[in-house]
N, C-alpha and C. Protein backbone atom coordinates (compact mmCIF):
# COMPACT_ATOMS: atom_id res chain seq x y z
N UNK A 1 -4.46 -0.43 35.10
CA UNK A 1 -4.92 0.81 35.96
C UNK A 1 -3.55 1.70 35.91
N UNK A 2 -3.77 3.21 35.44
CA UNK A 2 -2.46 4.33 35.42
C UNK A 2 -2.59 4.28 36.71
N UNK A 3 -1.52 4.84 36.75
CA UNK A 3 -1.28 5.29 38.61
C UNK A 3 -0.54 6.48 37.84
N UNK A 4 -0.43 7.35 39.18
CA UNK A 4 0.39 8.44 38.86
C UNK A 4 2.29 8.46 39.16
N UNK A 5 2.85 8.87 38.52
CA UNK A 5 4.18 7.98 39.02
C UNK A 5 5.05 8.05 37.49
N UNK A 6 5.91 7.59 37.61
CA UNK A 6 6.40 6.56 36.86
C UNK A 6 5.87 5.96 35.95
N UNK A 7 5.35 5.99 34.56
CA UNK A 7 5.28 4.92 33.30
C UNK A 7 5.86 5.27 32.03
N UNK A 8 5.32 4.49 31.38
CA UNK A 8 5.98 4.34 30.07
C UNK A 8 4.85 4.78 28.70
N UNK A 9 5.62 5.60 27.70
CA UNK A 9 4.35 6.07 26.76
C UNK A 9 4.86 4.98 25.38
N UNK A 10 3.95 4.33 25.00
CA UNK A 10 3.93 3.54 23.79
C UNK A 10 3.65 4.08 22.19
N UNK A 11 4.84 4.65 21.81
CA UNK A 11 3.93 5.01 20.44
C UNK A 11 3.99 4.08 19.22
N UNK A 12 3.12 4.17 18.08
CA UNK A 12 3.33 3.16 16.90
C UNK A 12 2.82 4.48 15.66
N UNK A 13 3.48 4.03 14.81
CA UNK A 13 3.46 4.72 14.17
C UNK A 13 3.29 3.87 12.06
N UNK A 14 1.97 4.42 12.04
CA UNK A 14 1.49 3.11 10.84
C UNK A 14 1.21 4.15 9.59
N UNK A 15 0.69 3.76 8.38
CA UNK A 15 0.21 4.37 7.43
C UNK A 15 -1.56 4.21 7.86
N UNK A 16 -2.41 4.87 7.39
CA UNK A 16 -3.55 5.09 7.36
C UNK A 16 -3.76 3.79 6.36
N UNK A 17 -3.00 3.46 5.80
CA UNK A 17 -3.61 2.18 4.63
C UNK A 17 -2.92 0.59 5.01
N UNK A 18 -2.51 1.27 5.97
CA UNK A 18 -1.73 -0.44 6.34
C UNK A 18 -2.76 -1.71 6.82
N UNK A 19 -2.62 -2.40 6.67
CA UNK A 19 -3.75 -3.79 6.91
C UNK A 19 -3.32 -4.70 7.88
N UNK A 20 -4.54 -5.10 8.44
CA UNK A 20 -4.35 -6.25 9.58
C UNK A 20 -5.12 -7.35 9.64
N UNK A 21 -5.02 -8.33 9.28
CA UNK A 21 -5.82 -9.53 8.91
C UNK A 21 -7.76 -8.90 8.06
N UNK A 22 -7.28 -7.66 7.52
CA UNK A 22 -8.92 -7.58 6.15
C UNK A 22 -8.85 -5.64 7.19
N UNK A 23 -8.60 -5.24 7.84
CA UNK A 23 -8.86 -4.41 7.94
C UNK A 23 -7.90 -3.36 8.79
N UNK A 24 -8.21 -1.89 9.02
CA UNK A 24 -6.42 -1.21 9.00
C UNK A 24 -6.12 -1.23 10.38
N UNK A 25 -4.95 -1.48 9.99
CA UNK A 25 -4.06 -1.82 11.83
C UNK A 25 -4.01 -1.13 12.56
N UNK A 26 -4.58 0.56 12.30
CA UNK A 26 -4.95 1.22 13.58
C UNK A 26 -5.83 1.05 13.92
N UNK A 27 -7.08 0.52 13.15
CA UNK A 27 -7.94 0.10 14.18
C UNK A 27 -8.61 -1.06 14.91
N UNK A 28 -7.56 -2.11 14.14
CA UNK A 28 -7.28 -3.81 14.82
C UNK A 28 -6.13 -2.89 16.12
N UNK A 29 -5.54 -2.26 16.43
CA UNK A 29 -4.65 -1.97 17.44
C UNK A 29 -5.30 -1.50 18.40
N UNK A 30 -6.76 -0.74 18.25
CA UNK A 30 -7.06 0.24 19.24
C UNK A 30 -8.41 -0.86 19.61
N UNK A 31 -9.42 -1.98 18.78
CA UNK A 31 -9.26 -3.06 19.46
C UNK A 31 -8.92 -4.11 19.92
N UNK A 32 -7.66 -4.33 20.34
CA UNK A 32 -6.64 -4.82 20.72
C UNK A 32 -6.46 -4.53 22.14
N UNK A 33 -6.39 -3.09 22.04
CA UNK A 33 -6.21 -2.76 23.08
C UNK A 33 -7.30 -2.58 23.57
N UNK A 34 -8.31 -2.02 23.50
CA UNK A 34 -9.66 -2.29 24.73
C UNK A 34 -9.77 -2.93 25.28
N UNK A 35 -9.65 -4.10 23.71
CA UNK A 35 -9.91 -5.65 24.57
C UNK A 35 -8.76 -6.64 26.03
N UNK A 36 -8.07 -5.70 26.09
CA UNK A 36 -6.87 -5.97 27.21
C UNK A 36 -7.04 -4.36 27.83
N UNK A 37 -8.31 -4.40 27.76
CA UNK A 37 -8.01 -3.20 29.25
C UNK A 37 -6.83 -1.89 29.62
N UNK A 38 -6.51 -2.16 28.23
CA UNK A 38 -5.24 -0.19 28.36
C UNK A 38 -5.98 0.71 29.01
N UNK A 39 -5.20 2.13 29.33
CA UNK A 39 -6.36 2.66 30.43
C UNK A 39 -6.58 3.95 29.26
N UNK A 40 -6.04 3.80 27.99
CA UNK A 40 -6.29 4.67 27.11
C UNK A 40 -5.17 5.10 26.01
N UNK A 41 -5.58 5.32 24.94
CA UNK A 41 -5.07 5.55 23.58
C UNK A 41 -5.28 6.67 22.58
N UNK A 42 -4.79 7.11 22.55
CA UNK A 42 -5.01 8.34 21.50
C UNK A 42 -4.82 8.03 20.19
N UNK A 43 -5.07 8.48 18.93
CA UNK A 43 -4.87 7.86 17.21
C UNK A 43 -4.60 9.42 16.78
N UNK A 44 -3.90 9.74 16.24
CA UNK A 44 -3.17 11.02 15.39
C UNK A 44 -3.44 11.29 14.08
N UNK A 45 -3.85 11.71 13.25
CA UNK A 45 -3.45 11.49 12.00
C UNK A 45 -3.17 12.59 11.35
N UNK A 46 -1.69 12.71 10.45
CA UNK A 46 -0.58 13.73 10.33
C UNK A 46 -1.28 14.04 9.06
N UNK A 47 -0.96 15.04 9.42
CA UNK A 47 -1.21 16.05 7.42
C UNK A 47 0.06 15.65 6.61
N UNK A 48 1.28 15.19 6.99
CA UNK A 48 2.34 15.15 5.98
C UNK A 48 3.23 14.00 6.81
N UNK A 49 4.04 13.01 6.14
CA UNK A 49 5.20 12.47 7.02
C UNK A 49 6.02 11.77 5.54
N UNK A 50 6.72 11.24 5.82
CA UNK A 50 7.48 9.76 5.92
C UNK A 50 7.78 8.61 6.20
N UNK A 51 8.29 8.03 5.87
CA UNK A 51 9.61 6.46 6.85
C UNK A 51 10.29 6.36 5.82
N UNK A 52 10.43 5.23 6.35
CA UNK A 52 11.66 4.49 6.78
C UNK A 52 11.93 4.24 4.38
N UNK A 53 10.32 4.02 3.92
CA UNK A 53 10.28 3.14 2.35
C UNK A 53 10.66 4.45 1.93
N UNK A 54 11.10 6.15 2.42
CA UNK A 54 10.74 7.09 2.11
C UNK A 54 9.75 7.97 0.44
N UNK A 55 8.87 6.89 1.05
CA UNK A 55 7.73 7.59 0.30
C UNK A 55 6.48 8.54 1.42
N UNK A 56 6.80 9.80 0.31
CA UNK A 56 5.36 10.86 0.59
C UNK A 56 4.82 10.22 0.75
N UNK A 57 3.71 11.29 1.84
CA UNK A 57 2.05 10.71 2.30
C UNK A 57 1.85 13.01 2.91
N UNK A 58 0.67 12.96 1.96
CA UNK A 58 0.36 14.08 2.12
C UNK A 58 -0.66 14.62 2.09
N UNK A 59 -1.79 15.75 3.21
CA UNK A 59 -3.34 15.61 2.78
C UNK A 59 -3.76 16.63 1.72
N UNK A 60 -2.19 17.11 0.77
CA UNK A 60 -2.18 18.07 0.00
C UNK A 60 -2.86 17.15 -1.30
N UNK A 61 -2.38 15.78 -1.51
CA UNK A 61 -2.56 14.92 -2.26
C UNK A 61 -3.63 13.98 -2.11
N UNK A 62 -4.18 14.26 -1.73
CA UNK A 62 -5.40 13.33 -0.50
C UNK A 62 -6.25 12.55 -2.37
N UNK A 63 -6.89 13.93 -2.64
CA UNK A 63 -7.27 12.66 -4.31
C UNK A 63 -6.59 11.71 -4.05
N UNK A 64 -5.27 11.34 -4.00
CA UNK A 64 -5.00 10.54 -5.41
C UNK A 64 -4.20 9.37 -4.18
N UNK A 65 -4.33 9.27 -2.89
CA UNK A 65 -4.23 8.67 -1.93
C UNK A 65 -4.66 8.59 -0.56
N UNK A 66 -4.89 8.19 0.15
CA UNK A 66 -5.74 8.08 1.88
C UNK A 66 -4.60 6.95 2.43
N UNK A 67 -3.80 7.26 1.80
CA UNK A 67 -2.54 6.74 3.01
C UNK A 67 -1.38 7.74 4.26
N UNK A 68 -2.39 8.64 5.02
CA UNK A 68 -1.73 9.69 5.66
C UNK A 68 -1.25 9.15 7.04
N UNK A 69 0.37 9.43 7.99
CA UNK A 69 0.95 8.27 8.62
C UNK A 69 -0.18 8.58 9.48
N UNK A 70 -0.82 7.56 10.76
CA UNK A 70 -1.56 7.60 12.05
C UNK A 70 -0.24 7.45 12.96
N UNK A 71 0.03 8.43 14.65
CA UNK A 71 0.59 7.94 14.93
C UNK A 71 -0.32 7.52 16.23
N UNK A 72 -0.10 6.09 17.02
CA UNK A 72 -1.06 5.90 18.60
C UNK A 72 -0.37 5.73 19.86
N UNK A 73 -1.03 6.65 20.39
CA UNK A 73 0.21 7.37 21.42
C UNK A 73 -1.13 6.31 22.50
N UNK A 74 -0.27 5.58 23.49
CA UNK A 74 -0.39 5.03 24.69
C UNK A 74 0.27 5.15 25.60
N UNK A 75 -0.08 5.42 26.50
CA UNK A 75 0.84 5.70 27.65
C UNK A 75 0.26 4.47 28.88
N UNK A 76 1.37 4.10 29.69
CA UNK A 76 0.47 2.73 30.73
C UNK A 76 1.73 2.29 31.17
N UNK A 77 1.34 1.52 32.17
CA UNK A 77 2.30 0.84 33.34
C UNK A 77 3.02 0.34 32.39
N UNK A 78 4.53 0.18 32.34
CA UNK A 78 5.73 -1.00 32.11
C UNK A 78 4.79 -2.09 31.68
N UNK A 79 4.54 -2.68 33.38
CA UNK A 79 4.25 -4.05 33.32
C UNK A 79 3.20 -4.64 31.98
N UNK A 80 2.06 -3.60 32.10
CA UNK A 80 0.81 -3.98 30.76
C UNK A 80 1.37 -3.67 30.00
N UNK A 81 2.48 -3.00 29.11
CA UNK A 81 2.61 -2.47 27.97
C UNK A 81 3.71 -4.19 27.97
N UNK A 82 4.24 -4.63 28.72
CA UNK A 82 5.75 -5.95 28.83
C UNK A 82 4.18 -6.79 27.46
N UNK A 83 3.54 -6.61 28.38
CA UNK A 83 2.80 -8.22 27.96
C UNK A 83 1.96 -8.10 27.04
N UNK A 84 1.53 -6.76 26.46
CA UNK A 84 0.51 -6.70 25.03
C UNK A 84 2.44 -6.27 23.78
N UNK A 85 3.04 -6.57 23.95
CA UNK A 85 4.25 -6.06 23.24
C UNK A 85 4.37 -6.48 22.14
N UNK A 86 3.98 -8.01 22.29
CA UNK A 86 4.64 -8.87 21.07
C UNK A 86 3.53 -9.34 20.18
N UNK A 87 2.52 -9.07 20.18
CA UNK A 87 0.97 -8.86 19.55
C UNK A 87 1.35 -7.45 19.11
N UNK A 88 1.47 -6.58 19.19
CA UNK A 88 1.19 -5.82 18.79
C UNK A 88 2.64 -5.14 17.71
N UNK A 89 3.90 -5.79 18.33
CA UNK A 89 4.53 -6.35 17.08
C UNK A 89 4.31 -7.03 15.65
N UNK A 90 3.64 -8.15 16.46
CA UNK A 90 3.21 -8.51 14.84
C UNK A 90 2.47 -8.16 14.34
N UNK A 91 1.20 -7.47 14.95
CA UNK A 91 0.52 -6.32 14.51
C UNK A 91 1.15 -5.15 12.97
N UNK A 92 1.50 -4.94 13.62
CA UNK A 92 2.60 -3.86 12.49
C UNK A 92 3.97 -4.41 12.50
N UNK A 93 3.03 -4.77 10.41
CA UNK A 93 4.38 -4.96 9.89
C UNK A 93 5.05 -4.14 9.23
N UNK A 94 4.90 -3.31 9.30
CA UNK A 94 5.12 -1.72 8.55
C UNK A 94 4.78 -0.87 9.72
N UNK A 95 5.98 0.16 10.07
CA UNK A 95 5.74 0.89 10.60
C UNK A 95 6.96 0.90 11.57
N UNK A 96 6.47 1.78 12.62
CA UNK A 96 7.85 1.82 13.75
C UNK A 96 6.77 1.87 15.03
N UNK A 97 7.95 1.30 16.26
CA UNK A 97 7.20 1.21 17.80
C UNK A 97 8.10 1.53 18.20
N UNK A 98 8.13 2.82 19.47
CA UNK A 98 9.21 3.13 20.21
C UNK A 98 8.04 3.11 21.49
N UNK A 99 9.46 3.49 22.73
CA UNK A 99 8.69 3.37 23.74
C UNK A 99 9.75 4.57 24.83
N UNK A 100 9.02 5.29 25.41
CA UNK A 100 9.97 6.14 26.51
C UNK A 100 9.22 6.44 27.51
N UNK A 101 10.20 7.14 28.77
CA UNK A 101 10.18 6.36 29.86
C UNK A 101 9.24 8.24 29.85
N UNK A 102 7.64 7.70 30.76
CA UNK A 102 7.08 9.21 31.09
C UNK A 102 6.55 9.22 33.10
N UNK A 103 6.51 10.68 33.01
CA UNK A 103 5.60 10.48 34.86
C UNK A 103 4.74 11.30 34.60
N UNK A 104 4.18 10.22 35.05
CA UNK A 104 2.79 11.28 35.07
C UNK A 104 1.90 12.09 35.93
N UNK A 105 1.82 12.88 35.40
CA UNK A 105 1.95 14.21 37.17
C UNK A 105 0.52 14.69 37.07
N UNK A 106 -0.72 14.34 36.56
CA UNK A 106 -1.86 14.17 36.69
C UNK A 106 -3.04 13.58 35.67
N UNK A 107 -3.60 13.12 36.04
CA UNK A 107 -4.54 11.54 35.59
C UNK A 107 -5.86 12.23 36.67
N UNK A 108 -6.62 12.30 35.73
CA UNK A 108 -8.31 12.54 36.45
C UNK A 108 -8.80 11.45 37.08
N UNK A 109 -8.48 9.98 36.50
CA UNK A 109 -9.02 8.72 36.73
C UNK A 109 -8.08 8.17 37.19
N UNK A 110 -6.35 8.42 38.25
CA UNK A 110 -5.77 8.04 38.93
C UNK A 110 -6.24 7.59 40.14
N UNK A 111 -5.40 6.78 40.57
CA UNK A 111 -5.50 6.47 42.17
C UNK A 111 -4.03 7.07 42.82
N UNK A 112 -4.99 7.30 43.95
CA UNK A 112 -3.11 8.46 44.53
C UNK A 112 -2.67 7.03 44.75
N UNK A 113 -1.37 7.30 44.88
CA UNK A 113 -0.14 6.36 45.60
C UNK A 113 -0.14 5.62 46.82
């Protein structure tokens, strides 16, 4: 359970068309996080972007391609993320995974310290 105070943000960047075991990788990640009782996750679908492969993705050419950038944002206690990170790394064969330290200021479901 997430608590007020120090936490970690784990952000994963993938393409909408990336697959893991036959389904979109972003769906597989969300189901994995839910199964492991991660406090919460939010997905953002980008309107444009490119990664290390240099392929530009844009909503303007959506008719030709449906592989827009997806950002998966998770804020959780560091010890929870450390346990699940190896599996997430295995799921993301293309993309980027980053972490940063955050301070949880307000959380409506967070217990007080």
